[in-house]
């Protein structure tokens, strides 16, 4: 592992909800090394989605610092942040977020429209991304002509199209059957191990969490513990002992 890909220090993010102020993250600290594969788990309201949005530059903290790829996101203007996301981060969503009127190839090309690449270079890069996810024979198919697993692989190809350092996945297996989910998890593992992509995945699925190198457990906006799936000592972030079963998850 190299330098930190993500460094979060003393981050607080709160929202007004029903006349009350809710702290989604409370003095939160987390460091993820370059090339790491981390799953984020926790019950509903624990701060999982907020954490992913802050790392992805889709939201800003009220206090504290969020560093991604050595850059302090708090110092960026909205335009600079959009450019940074386009060049550094690939997003994968539970609902795929593919445009139904476009082919797989055209969907994968979309993030490349924000780059200075010409049409021929965009097409070549998008085809390469589809080849990496095993869909070279589906480039001209539209989403309705694909299975759920194939749609998610197109979404992963789209995330890879700009060759990002970091992939953020929000419940990537949530809408998939067991076989398709297994295929997607194998692909994410390959991207991490062979292509050295740093991956952060929010999930409620213990099987998906088990595929990651580490599992970060959140509770009430705080880091509860980090479990190393590769057998090294788990890091306890609180005085409470770890539970044997992963917490029940939901939107957070």
C-alpha atoms as a PDB file:
ATOM      1  CA  UNK A   1       0.000   0.000   0.000  1.00  0.00           C
ATOM      2  CA  UNK A   2       1.175   3.505  -0.814  1.00  0.00           C
ATOM      3  CA  UNK A   3       0.203   6.953   0.447  1.00  0.00           C
ATOM      4  CA  UNK A   4      -3.382   7.549   1.593  1.00  0.00           C
ATOM      5  CA  UNK A   5      -5.904   7.742  -1.224  1.00  0.00           C
ATOM      6  CA  UNK A   6      -8.438   9.151   1.231  1.00  0.00           C
ATOM      7  CA  UNK A   7      -7.746  11.005   4.478  1.00  0.00           C
ATOM      8  CA  UNK A   8     -10.713  12.254   6.507  1.00  0.00           C
ATOM      9  CA  UNK A   9      -9.972  14.273   9.628  1.00  0.00           C
ATOM     10  CA  UNK A  10     -12.416  15.532  12.283  1.00  0.00           C
ATOM     11  CA  UNK A  11     -15.280  15.750   9.787  1.00  0.00           C
ATOM     12  CA  UNK A  12     -18.728  16.738  10.968  1.00  0.00           C
ATOM     13  CA  UNK A  13     -21.750  16.908   8.675  1.00  0.00           C
ATOM     14  CA  UNK A  14     -25.181  17.694  10.032  1.00  0.00           C
ATOM     15  CA  UNK A  15     -28.639  18.168   8.555  1.00  0.00           C
ATOM     16  CA  UNK A  16     -31.923  19.660   9.710  1.00  0.00           C
ATOM     17  CA  UNK A  17     -34.577  16.955   9.863  1.00  0.00           C
ATOM     18  CA  UNK A  18     -38.073  17.424  11.279  1.00  0.00           C
ATOM     19  CA  UNK A  19     -37.069  20.475  13.262  1.00  0.00           C
ATOM     20  CA  UNK A  20     -34.056  18.682  14.730  1.00  0.00           C
ATOM     21  CA  UNK A  21     -30.370  18.809  13.857  1.00  0.00           C
ATOM     22  CA  UNK A  22     -29.004  15.353  13.031  1.00  0.00           C
ATOM     23  CA  UNK A  23     -25.276  14.692  12.877  1.00  0.00           C
ATOM     24  CA  UNK A  24     -24.729  12.304   9.962  1.00  0.00           C
ATOM     25  CA  UNK A  25     -20.988  12.288  10.754  1.00  0.00           C
ATOM     26  CA  UNK A  26     -19.573  13.415  14.082  1.00  0.00           C
ATOM     27  CA  UNK A  27     -15.853  14.269  14.410  1.00  0.00           C
ATOM     28  CA  UNK A  28     -15.192  11.453  11.963  1.00  0.00           C
ATOM     29  CA  UNK A  29     -11.685  10.202  11.109  1.00  0.00           C
ATOM     30  CA  UNK A  30     -10.762   7.622   8.473  1.00  0.00           C
ATOM     31  CA  UNK A  31      -7.738   6.889   6.316  1.00  0.00           C
ATOM     32  CA  UNK A  32      -7.806   4.567   3.291  1.00  0.00           C
ATOM     33  CA  UNK A  33      -4.488   3.713   1.611  1.00  0.00           C
ATOM     34  CA  UNK A  34      -3.895   3.857  -2.106  1.00  0.00           C
ATOM     35  CA  UNK A  35      -4.888   0.535  -3.639  1.00  0.00           C
ATOM     36  CA  UNK A  36      -7.205  -0.353  -0.751  1.00  0.00           C
ATOM     37  CA  UNK A  37     -10.563  -2.091  -1.137  1.00  0.00           C
ATOM     38  CA  UNK A  38     -12.881  -1.009   1.670  1.00  0.00           C
ATOM     39  CA  UNK A  39     -16.529  -1.865   2.294  1.00  0.00           C
ATOM     40  CA  UNK A  40     -18.625   0.543   4.391  1.00  0.00           C
ATOM     41  CA  UNK A  41     -21.383  -0.982   6.544  1.00  0.00           C
ATOM     42  CA  UNK A  42     -23.730   0.192   9.269  1.00  0.00           C
ATOM     43  CA  UNK A  43     -27.397   0.566  10.207  1.00  0.00           C
ATOM     44  CA  UNK A  44     -29.718   3.127   8.656  1.00  0.00           C
ATOM     45  CA  UNK A  45     -28.643   6.642   9.568  1.00  0.00           C
ATOM     46  CA  UNK A  46     -25.094   5.651  10.464  1.00  0.00           C
ATOM     47  CA  UNK A  47     -23.551   8.026   7.906  1.00  0.00           C
ATOM     48  CA  UNK A  48     -22.582   5.672   5.063  1.00  0.00           C
ATOM     49  CA  UNK A  49     -24.124   7.669   2.211  1.00  0.00           C
ATOM     50  CA  UNK A  50     -22.921  10.948   3.680  1.00  0.00           C
ATOM     51  CA  UNK A  51     -19.383   9.566   3.846  1.00  0.00           C
ATOM     52  CA  UNK A  52     -19.487   8.433   0.217  1.00  0.00           C
ATOM     53  CA  UNK A  53     -20.884  11.792  -0.928  1.00  0.00           C
ATOM     54  CA  UNK A  54     -18.130  13.699   0.880  1.00  0.00           C
ATOM     55  CA  UNK A  55     -15.364  11.515  -0.567  1.00  0.00           C
ATOM     56  CA  UNK A  56     -16.916  11.861  -4.021  1.00  0.00           C
ATOM     57  CA  UNK A  57     -17.064  15.642  -3.769  1.00  0.00           C
ATOM     58  CA  UNK A  58     -20.850  15.605  -4.055  1.00  0.00           C
ATOM     59  CA  UNK A  59     -21.206  17.248  -0.643  1.00  0.00           C
ATOM     60  CA  UNK A  60     -19.022  19.324   1.645  1.00  0.00           C
ATOM     61  CA  UNK A  61     -18.389  18.912   5.388  1.00  0.00           C
ATOM     62  CA  UNK A  62     -19.507  21.481   7.949  1.00  0.00           C
ATOM     63  CA  UNK A  63     -16.166  21.119   9.715  1.00  0.00           C
ATOM     64  CA  UNK A  64     -13.034  19.065   9.183  1.00  0.00           C
ATOM     65  CA  UNK A  65     -10.970  18.064   6.178  1.00  0.00           C
ATOM     66  CA  UNK A  66     -11.545  15.629   3.315  1.00  0.00           C
ATOM     67  CA  UNK A  67      -8.464  14.793   1.258  1.00  0.00           C
ATOM     68  CA  UNK A  68      -8.681  12.629  -1.854  1.00  0.00           C
ATOM     69  CA  UNK A  69      -5.619  11.735  -3.953  1.00  0.00           C
ATOM     70  CA  UNK A  70      -3.630  14.292  -1.959  1.00  0.00           C
ATOM     71  CA  UNK A  71      -6.052  17.151  -2.630  1.00  0.00           C
ATOM     72  CA  UNK A  72      -8.036  19.011   0.020  1.00  0.00           C
ATOM     73  CA  UNK A  73     -11.543  19.071  -1.470  1.00  0.00           C
ATOM     74  CA  UNK A  74     -12.549  21.988   0.762  1.00  0.00           C
ATOM     75  CA  UNK A  75     -10.226  24.295  -1.199  1.00  0.00           C
ATOM     76  CA  UNK A  76     -11.881  23.638  -4.575  1.00  0.00           C
ATOM     77  CA  UNK A  77     -14.504  25.822  -6.198  1.00  0.00           C
ATOM     78  CA  UNK A  78     -17.571  24.054  -7.604  1.00  0.00           C
ATOM     79  CA  UNK A  79     -16.031  24.055 -11.075  1.00  0.00           C
ATOM     80  CA  UNK A  80     -12.683  22.758  -9.850  1.00  0.00           C
ATOM     81  CA  UNK A  81     -14.446  20.064  -7.867  1.00  0.00           C
ATOM     82  CA  UNK A  82     -16.405  18.932 -10.940  1.00  0.00           C
ATOM     83  CA  UNK A  83     -13.189  18.716 -12.960  1.00  0.00           C
ATOM     84  CA  UNK A  84     -11.451  16.808 -10.168  1.00  0.00           C
ATOM     85  CA  UNK A  85     -14.316  14.285  -9.981  1.00  0.00           C
ATOM     86  CA  UNK A  86     -14.266  13.788 -13.740  1.00  0.00           C
ATOM     87  CA  UNK A  87     -10.534  13.031 -13.761  1.00  0.00           C
ATOM     88  CA  UNK A  88     -10.066  11.176 -10.482  1.00  0.00           C
ATOM     89  CA  UNK A  89     -13.253   9.376  -9.405  1.00  0.00           C
ATOM     90  CA  UNK A  90     -15.502   6.791 -11.040  1.00  0.00           C
ATOM     91  CA  UNK A  91     -19.010   6.276  -9.627  1.00  0.00           C
ATOM     92  CA  UNK A  92     -21.052   3.043  -9.622  1.00  0.00           C
ATOM     93  CA  UNK A  93     -24.670   3.165  -8.423  1.00  0.00           C
ATOM     94  CA  UNK A  94     -27.193   0.562  -7.287  1.00  0.00           C
ATOM     95  CA  UNK A  95     -29.681   1.564  -9.989  1.00  0.00           C
ATOM     96  CA  UNK A  96     -27.034   1.550 -12.779  1.00  0.00           C
ATOM     97  CA  UNK A  97     -28.083   5.065 -13.966  1.00  0.00           C
ATOM     98  CA  UNK A  98     -27.729   4.151 -17.647  1.00  0.00           C
ATOM     99  CA  UNK A  99     -29.557   6.199 -20.266  1.00  0.00           C
ATOM    100  CA  UNK A 100     -32.063   3.808 -21.904  1.00  0.00           C
ATOM    101  CA  UNK A 101     -31.909   5.450 -25.342  1.00  0.00           C
ATOM    102  CA  UNK A 102     -28.137   5.004 -25.616  1.00  0.00           C
ATOM    103  CA  UNK A 103     -26.138   1.886 -26.409  1.00  0.00           C
ATOM    104  CA  UNK A 104     -23.667   0.411 -23.946  1.00  0.00           C
ATOM    105  CA  UNK A 105     -20.843   2.070 -25.867  1.00  0.00           C
ATOM    106  CA  UNK A 106     -22.559   5.461 -25.839  1.00  0.00           C
ATOM    107  CA  UNK A 107     -23.284   5.211 -22.116  1.00  0.00           C
ATOM    108  CA  UNK A 108     -19.636   4.442 -21.383  1.00  0.00           C
ATOM    109  CA  UNK A 109     -18.532   7.367 -23.552  1.00  0.00           C
ATOM    110  CA  UNK A 110     -20.573   9.887 -21.539  1.00  0.00           C
ATOM    111  CA  UNK A 111     -17.924  10.842 -18.923  1.00  0.00           C
ATOM    112  CA  UNK A 112     -15.365  11.177 -21.710  1.00  0.00           C
ATOM    113  CA  UNK A 113     -17.375  14.049 -23.175  1.00  0.00           C
ATOM    114  CA  UNK A 114     -15.986  16.149 -20.315  1.00  0.00           C
ATOM    115  CA  UNK A 115     -12.417  15.474 -21.471  1.00  0.00           C
ATOM    116  CA  UNK A 116     -10.489  17.032 -24.394  1.00  0.00           C
ATOM    117  CA  UNK A 117     -10.450  13.685 -26.260  1.00  0.00           C
ATOM    118  CA  UNK A 118     -11.703  13.600 -29.848  1.00  0.00           C
ATOM    119  CA  UNK A 119     -14.481  11.270 -31.012  1.00  0.00           C
ATOM    120  CA  UNK A 120     -12.153   8.501 -32.212  1.00  0.00           C
ATOM    121  CA  UNK A 121     -10.140   8.524 -28.963  1.00  0.00           C
ATOM    122  CA  UNK A 122     -13.328   8.508 -26.874  1.00  0.00           C
ATOM    123  CA  UNK A 123     -14.642   5.507 -28.782  1.00  0.00           C
ATOM    124  CA  UNK A 124     -11.360   3.615 -28.399  1.00  0.00           C
ATOM    125  CA  UNK A 125     -11.226   4.266 -24.655  1.00  0.00           C
ATOM    126  CA  UNK A 126     -14.881   3.277 -24.163  1.00  0.00           C
ATOM    127  CA  UNK A 127     -14.392   0.055 -26.136  1.00  0.00           C
ATOM    128  CA  UNK A 128     -11.378  -0.783 -23.996  1.00  0.00           C
ATOM    129  CA  UNK A 129     -13.409  -0.258 -20.814  1.00  0.00           C
ATOM    130  CA  UNK A 130     -16.170  -2.551 -22.107  1.00  0.00           C
ATOM    131  CA  UNK A 131     -13.557  -5.144 -22.986  1.00  0.00           C
ATOM    132  CA  UNK A 132     -12.211  -5.012 -19.427  1.00  0.00           C
ATOM    133  CA  UNK A 133     -15.641  -5.863 -18.015  1.00  0.00           C
ATOM    134  CA  UNK A 134     -16.220  -8.653 -20.553  1.00  0.00           C
ATOM    135  CA  UNK A 135     -18.847  -6.960 -22.707  1.00  0.00           C
ATOM    136  CA  UNK A 136     -17.115  -6.564 -26.064  1.00  0.00           C
ATOM    137  CA  UNK A 137     -20.021  -8.439 -27.649  1.00  0.00           C
ATOM    138  CA  UNK A 138     -22.663  -6.087 -26.177  1.00  0.00           C
ATOM    139  CA  UNK A 139     -21.367  -2.672 -27.229  1.00  0.00           C
ATOM    140  CA  UNK A 140     -24.377  -1.871 -29.427  1.00  0.00           C
ATOM    141  CA  UNK A 141     -27.018  -3.222 -27.045  1.00  0.00           C
ATOM    142  CA  UNK A 142     -29.256  -0.815 -25.144  1.00  0.00           C
ATOM    143  CA  UNK A 143     -29.912  -1.303 -21.415  1.00  0.00           C
ATOM    144  CA  UNK A 144     -33.289  -3.020 -21.967  1.00  0.00           C
ATOM    145  CA  UNK A 145     -31.480  -5.659 -24.032  1.00  0.00           C
ATOM    146  CA  UNK A 146     -29.101  -6.487 -21.174  1.00  0.00           C
ATOM    147  CA  UNK A 147     -29.446  -8.449 -17.947  1.00  0.00           C
ATOM    148  CA  UNK A 148     -29.122  -6.647 -14.612  1.00  0.00           C
ATOM    149  CA  UNK A 149     -25.606  -7.979 -14.173  1.00  0.00           C
ATOM    150  CA  UNK A 150     -24.631  -6.804 -17.640  1.00  0.00           C
ATOM    151  CA  UNK A 151     -26.106  -3.363 -16.960  1.00  0.00           C
ATOM    152  CA  UNK A 152     -24.014  -3.060 -13.812  1.00  0.00           C
ATOM    153  CA  UNK A 153     -20.912  -4.103 -15.732  1.00  0.00           C
ATOM    154  CA  UNK A 154     -21.667  -1.368 -18.282  1.00  0.00           C
ATOM    155  CA  UNK A 155     -21.942   1.037 -15.340  1.00  0.00           C
ATOM    156  CA  UNK A 156     -18.562  -0.148 -14.065  1.00  0.00           C
ATOM    157  CA  UNK A 157     -17.085   0.289 -17.557  1.00  0.00           C
ATOM    158  CA  UNK A 158     -18.436   3.844 -17.555  1.00  0.00           C
ATOM    159  CA  UNK A 159     -16.737   4.431 -14.200  1.00  0.00           C
ATOM    160  CA  UNK A 160     -13.476   3.091 -15.662  1.00  0.00           C
ATOM    161  CA  UNK A 161     -13.611   5.050 -18.897  1.00  0.00           C
ATOM    162  CA  UNK A 162     -11.541   7.974 -17.602  1.00  0.00           C
ATOM    163  CA  UNK A 163      -9.050   5.646 -15.851  1.00  0.00           C
ATOM    164  CA  UNK A 164      -9.831   7.058 -12.370  1.00  0.00           C
ATOM    165  CA  UNK A 165      -7.675   6.470  -9.322  1.00  0.00           C
ATOM    166  CA  UNK A 166     -10.706   5.872  -7.113  1.00  0.00           C
ATOM    167  CA  UNK A 167     -13.959   3.953  -7.654  1.00  0.00           C
ATOM    168  CA  UNK A 168     -16.908   4.712  -5.361  1.00  0.00           C
ATOM    169  CA  UNK A 169     -19.647   2.071  -5.436  1.00  0.00           C
ATOM    170  CA  UNK A 170     -23.009   2.617  -3.722  1.00  0.00           C
ATOM    171  CA  UNK A 171     -24.762  -0.749  -3.159  1.00  0.00           C
ATOM    172  CA  UNK A 172     -23.435  -2.119  -6.492  1.00  0.00           C
ATOM    173  CA  UNK A 173     -25.051  -5.544  -5.956  1.00  0.00           C
ATOM    174  CA  UNK A 174     -28.278  -4.314  -4.359  1.00  0.00           C
ATOM    175  CA  UNK A 175     -30.509  -4.867  -7.417  1.00  0.00           C
ATOM    176  CA  UNK A 176     -28.846  -8.062  -8.642  1.00  0.00           C
ATOM    177  CA  UNK A 177     -29.528 -11.774  -8.247  1.00  0.00           C
ATOM    178  CA  UNK A 178     -26.917 -13.863  -6.468  1.00  0.00           C
ATOM    179  CA  UNK A 179     -25.132 -15.027  -9.624  1.00  0.00           C
ATOM    180  CA  UNK A 180     -24.969 -11.554 -11.162  1.00  0.00           C
ATOM    181  CA  UNK A 181     -23.849 -10.078  -7.847  1.00  0.00           C
ATOM    182  CA  UNK A 182     -21.034 -12.617  -7.666  1.00  0.00           C
ATOM    183  CA  UNK A 183     -19.885 -11.661 -11.150  1.00  0.00           C
ATOM    184  CA  UNK A 184     -19.822  -7.964 -10.250  1.00  0.00           C
ATOM    185  CA  UNK A 185     -17.909  -8.633  -7.034  1.00  0.00           C
ATOM    186  CA  UNK A 186     -15.337 -10.710  -8.915  1.00  0.00           C
ATOM    187  CA  UNK A 187     -14.903  -7.825 -11.340  1.00  0.00           C
ATOM    188  CA  UNK A 188     -14.380  -5.293  -8.529  1.00  0.00           C
ATOM    189  CA  UNK A 189     -11.807  -7.594  -6.916  1.00  0.00           C
ATOM    190  CA  UNK A 190      -9.973  -7.865 -10.230  1.00  0.00           C
ATOM    191  CA  UNK A 191      -9.957  -4.094 -10.710  1.00  0.00           C
ATOM    192  CA  UNK A 192      -8.464  -3.733  -7.249  1.00  0.00           C
ATOM    193  CA  UNK A 193      -5.864  -6.502  -7.462  1.00  0.00           C
ATOM    194  CA  UNK A 194      -4.790  -6.327 -11.106  1.00  0.00           C
ATOM    195  CA  UNK A 195      -5.342  -2.669 -11.935  1.00  0.00           C
ATOM    196  CA  UNK A 196      -4.624  -1.289  -8.448  1.00  0.00           C
ATOM    197  CA  UNK A 197      -7.812   0.756  -8.280  1.00  0.00           C
ATOM    198  CA  UNK A 198      -8.748   2.057  -4.856  1.00  0.00           C
ATOM    199  CA  UNK A 199     -12.341   0.980  -4.202  1.00  0.00           C
ATOM    200  CA  UNK A 200     -14.780   2.184  -1.553  1.00  0.00           C
ATOM    201  CA  UNK A 201     -18.109   0.348  -1.536  1.00  0.00           C
ATOM    202  CA  UNK A 202     -21.177   1.028   0.591  1.00  0.00           C
ATOM    203  CA  UNK A 203     -23.093  -2.212   1.073  1.00  0.00           C
ATOM    204  CA  UNK A 204     -25.594  -3.968   3.327  1.00  0.00           C
ATOM    205  CA  UNK A 205     -24.677  -7.384   1.855  1.00  0.00           C
ATOM    206  CA  UNK A 206     -22.271  -9.421   4.036  1.00  0.00           C
ATOM    207  CA  UNK A 207     -21.161 -11.364   0.952  1.00  0.00           C
ATOM    208  CA  UNK A 208     -20.138  -8.142  -0.768  1.00  0.00           C
ATOM    209  CA  UNK A 209     -18.395  -6.912   2.371  1.00  0.00           C
ATOM    210  CA  UNK A 210     -16.478 -10.185   2.629  1.00  0.00           C
ATOM    211  CA  UNK A 211     -15.042  -9.595  -0.855  1.00  0.00           C
ATOM    212  CA  UNK A 212     -13.347  -6.382   0.288  1.00  0.00           C
ATOM    213  CA  UNK A 213     -10.000  -6.226   2.006  1.00  0.00           C
ATOM    214  CA  UNK A 214     -11.372  -4.262   4.950  1.00  0.00           C
ATOM    215  CA  UNK A 215     -14.826  -3.543   6.355  1.00  0.00           C
ATOM    216  CA  UNK A 216     -15.504  -0.188   8.013  1.00  0.00           C
ATOM    217  CA  UNK A 217     -18.431  -0.329  10.457  1.00  0.00           C
ATOM    218  CA  UNK A 218     -20.209   2.946  11.222  1.00  0.00           C
ATOM    219  CA  UNK A 219     -22.760   3.710  13.921  1.00  0.00           C
ATOM    220  CA  UNK A 220     -24.472   7.024  14.632  1.00  0.00           C
ATOM    221  CA  UNK A 221     -21.987   8.997  12.572  1.00  0.00           C
ATOM    222  CA  UNK A 222     -18.925   7.541  14.211  1.00  0.00           C
ATOM    223  CA  UNK A 223     -16.359   4.907  13.300  1.00  0.00           C
ATOM    224  CA  UNK A 224     -17.173   1.796  15.309  1.00  0.00           C
ATOM    225  CA  UNK A 225     -14.438  -0.524  14.059  1.00  0.00           C
ATOM    226  CA  UNK A 226     -12.436  -1.629  11.030  1.00  0.00           C
ATOM    227  CA  UNK A 227     -12.206  -5.348  10.314  1.00  0.00           C
ATOM    228  CA  UNK A 228      -9.349  -6.700   8.199  1.00  0.00           C
ATOM    229  CA  UNK A 229     -10.737  -9.542   6.075  1.00  0.00           C
ATOM    230  CA  UNK A 230      -7.229 -10.724   5.312  1.00  0.00           C
ATOM    231  CA  UNK A 231      -6.715 -11.982   8.834  1.00  0.00           C
ATOM    232  CA  UNK A 232      -4.700  -9.211  10.427  1.00  0.00           C
ATOM    233  CA  UNK A 233      -5.697  -7.666  13.727  1.00  0.00           C
ATOM    234  CA  UNK A 234      -8.943  -5.707  13.598  1.00  0.00           C
ATOM    235  CA  UNK A 235      -8.743  -2.076  14.614  1.00  0.00           C
ATOM    236  CA  UNK A 236     -11.186  -1.119  17.360  1.00  0.00           C
ATOM    237  CA  UNK A 237     -12.359   2.476  17.218  1.00  0.00           C
ATOM    238  CA  UNK A 238     -14.485   2.308  20.385  1.00  0.00           C
ATOM    239  CA  UNK A 239     -14.323   0.531  23.711  1.00  0.00           C
ATOM    240  CA  UNK A 240     -17.300  -1.650  22.820  1.00  0.00           C
ATOM    241  CA  UNK A 241     -16.516  -5.217  21.703  1.00  0.00           C
ATOM    242  CA  UNK A 242     -17.228  -6.182  18.070  1.00  0.00           C
ATOM    243  CA  UNK A 243     -20.399  -8.087  17.313  1.00  0.00           C
ATOM    244  CA  UNK A 244     -20.189 -11.414  15.530  1.00  0.00           C
ATOM    245  CA  UNK A 245     -22.695 -10.449  12.847  1.00  0.00           C
ATOM    246  CA  UNK A 246     -22.520  -7.345  10.641  1.00  0.00           C
ATOM    247  CA  UNK A 247     -25.031  -4.631  11.529  1.00  0.00           C
ATOM    248  CA  UNK A 248     -28.293  -4.466   9.645  1.00  0.00           C
ATOM    249  CA  UNK A 249     -27.839  -1.852   6.957  1.00  0.00           C
ATOM    250  CA  UNK A 250     -30.000   0.635   5.129  1.00  0.00           C
ATOM    251  CA  UNK A 251     -29.784   4.112   3.705  1.00  0.00           C
ATOM    252  CA  UNK A 252     -27.304   6.196   5.621  1.00  0.00           C
END
